[in-house]
Amino acid sequence: MAHVNQHRKALLSRVRRMAGQVAALETALQNEDADCSEVLVQASAVRGAAHGLLMALLDEHLQAHVVSSDDPAERAEEAQVLVKLLRAYGR
């Protein structure tokens, strides 16, 4: 996936932010006096960050392998990859 390599710095930045959010969630859960709403906010932040990363990767994949492909067979195959992923994501 050449497009991943082209945007590696931005993608890694997103992943590092997610790691920080996961660490904050872990810390909140380890705190015996943790406020329920704080834990929910942290969990929501992790989910949002993961969703944002997935959407960025999907967009790049769609643009690189489906939209700009001249080969109809490759477009169809890559579109099926996306459909499979979206079905798994929706579970």
Protein backbone atom coordinates (compact mmCIF):
# COMPACT_ATOMS: atom_id res chain seq x y z
CA MET A 1 0.00 0.00 0.00
CA ALA A 2 2.08 2.86 -1.31
CA HIS A 3 -0.48 5.39 -0.08
CA VAL A 4 0.16 4.26 3.50
CA ASN A 5 3.87 4.92 3.00
CA GLN A 6 3.11 8.36 1.55
CA HIS A 7 1.13 9.33 4.65
CA ARG A 8 3.11 7.33 7.21
CA LYS A 9 3.98 10.35 9.38
CA ALA A 10 0.35 11.50 9.72
CA LEU A 11 -0.91 7.95 10.32
CA LEU A 12 1.72 7.29 12.97
CA SER A 13 0.80 10.57 14.62
CA ARG A 14 -2.83 9.40 14.83
CA VAL A 15 -1.75 6.05 16.27
CA ARG A 16 0.43 7.74 18.88
CA ARG A 17 -2.48 9.97 19.91
CA MET A 18 -4.61 6.85 20.22
CA ALA A 19 -1.95 5.22 22.39
CA GLY A 20 -2.06 8.23 24.69
CA GLN A 21 -5.84 8.01 24.88
CA VAL A 22 -5.69 4.29 25.65
CA ALA A 23 -3.12 4.99 28.37
CA ALA A 24 -5.41 7.67 29.85
CA LEU A 25 -8.30 5.20 29.78
CA GLU A 26 -6.18 2.59 31.53
CA THR A 27 -5.15 5.11 34.17
CA ALA A 28 -8.75 6.14 34.73
CA LEU A 29 -9.79 2.50 35.15
CA GLN A 30 -6.96 1.81 37.59
CA ASN A 31 -8.03 4.72 39.77
CA GLU A 32 -10.27 3.35 42.50
CA ASP A 33 -11.94 6.76 42.81
CA ALA A 34 -12.47 7.08 39.07
CA ASP A 35 -15.50 9.06 38.03
CA CYS A 36 -17.73 7.02 35.74
CA SER A 37 -18.19 9.92 33.35
CA GLU A 38 -14.42 10.40 33.01
CA VAL A 39 -14.00 6.74 32.08
CA LEU A 40 -16.81 7.04 29.53
CA VAL A 41 -15.23 10.15 28.02
CA GLN A 42 -11.86 8.39 27.74
CA ALA A 43 -13.45 5.30 26.15
CA SER A 44 -15.32 7.52 23.71
CA ALA A 45 -12.10 9.34 22.79
CA VAL A 46 -10.39 6.02 22.02
CA ARG A 47 -13.31 4.90 19.87
CA GLY A 48 -13.37 8.23 18.03
CA ALA A 49 -9.65 8.12 17.37
CA ALA A 50 -9.82 4.56 16.05
CA HIS A 51 -12.77 5.49 13.85
CA GLY A 52 -10.90 8.52 12.50
CA LEU A 53 -7.86 6.39 11.67
CA LEU A 54 -10.01 3.80 9.94
CA MET A 55 -11.80 6.46 7.89
CA ALA A 56 -8.48 8.01 6.82
CA LEU A 57 -7.16 4.60 5.75
CA LEU A 58 -10.40 3.76 3.94
CA ASP A 59 -10.34 7.07 2.10
CA GLU A 60 -6.76 6.55 0.98
CA HIS A 61 -7.47 2.97 -0.08
CA LEU A 62 -10.57 4.02 -1.99
CA GLN A 63 -8.76 6.81 -3.80
CA ALA A 64 -5.63 4.78 -4.60
CA HIS A 65 -7.13 1.42 -5.51
CA VAL A 66 -10.71 1.97 -6.61
CA VAL A 67 -11.20 5.47 -7.97
CA SER A 68 -7.89 5.89 -9.78
CA SER A 69 -7.54 2.34 -11.10
CA ASP A 70 -7.93 1.96 -14.86
CA ASP A 71 -8.53 -1.78 -14.55
CA PRO A 72 -12.21 -2.62 -13.94
CA ALA A 73 -11.29 -6.01 -12.46
CA GLU A 74 -8.94 -4.39 -9.94
CA ARG A 75 -11.58 -1.77 -9.06
CA ALA A 76 -14.14 -4.50 -8.42
CA GLU A 77 -11.71 -6.57 -6.36
CA GLU A 78 -10.62 -3.63 -4.22
CA ALA A 79 -14.23 -2.52 -3.77
CA GLN A 80 -14.97 -5.99 -2.38
CA VAL A 81 -12.08 -5.60 0.05
CA LEU A 82 -13.77 -2.44 1.33
CA VAL A 83 -17.19 -4.10 1.53
CA LYS A 84 -15.72 -6.97 3.55
CA LEU A 85 -14.01 -4.56 5.91
CA LEU A 86 -17.14 -2.46 6.39
CA ARG A 87 -19.18 -5.57 7.15
CA ALA A 88 -16.63 -6.63 9.77
CA TYR A 89 -16.54 -3.10 11.19
CA GLY A 90 -20.33 -3.02 11.49
CA ARG A 91 -20.48 -6.09 13.70
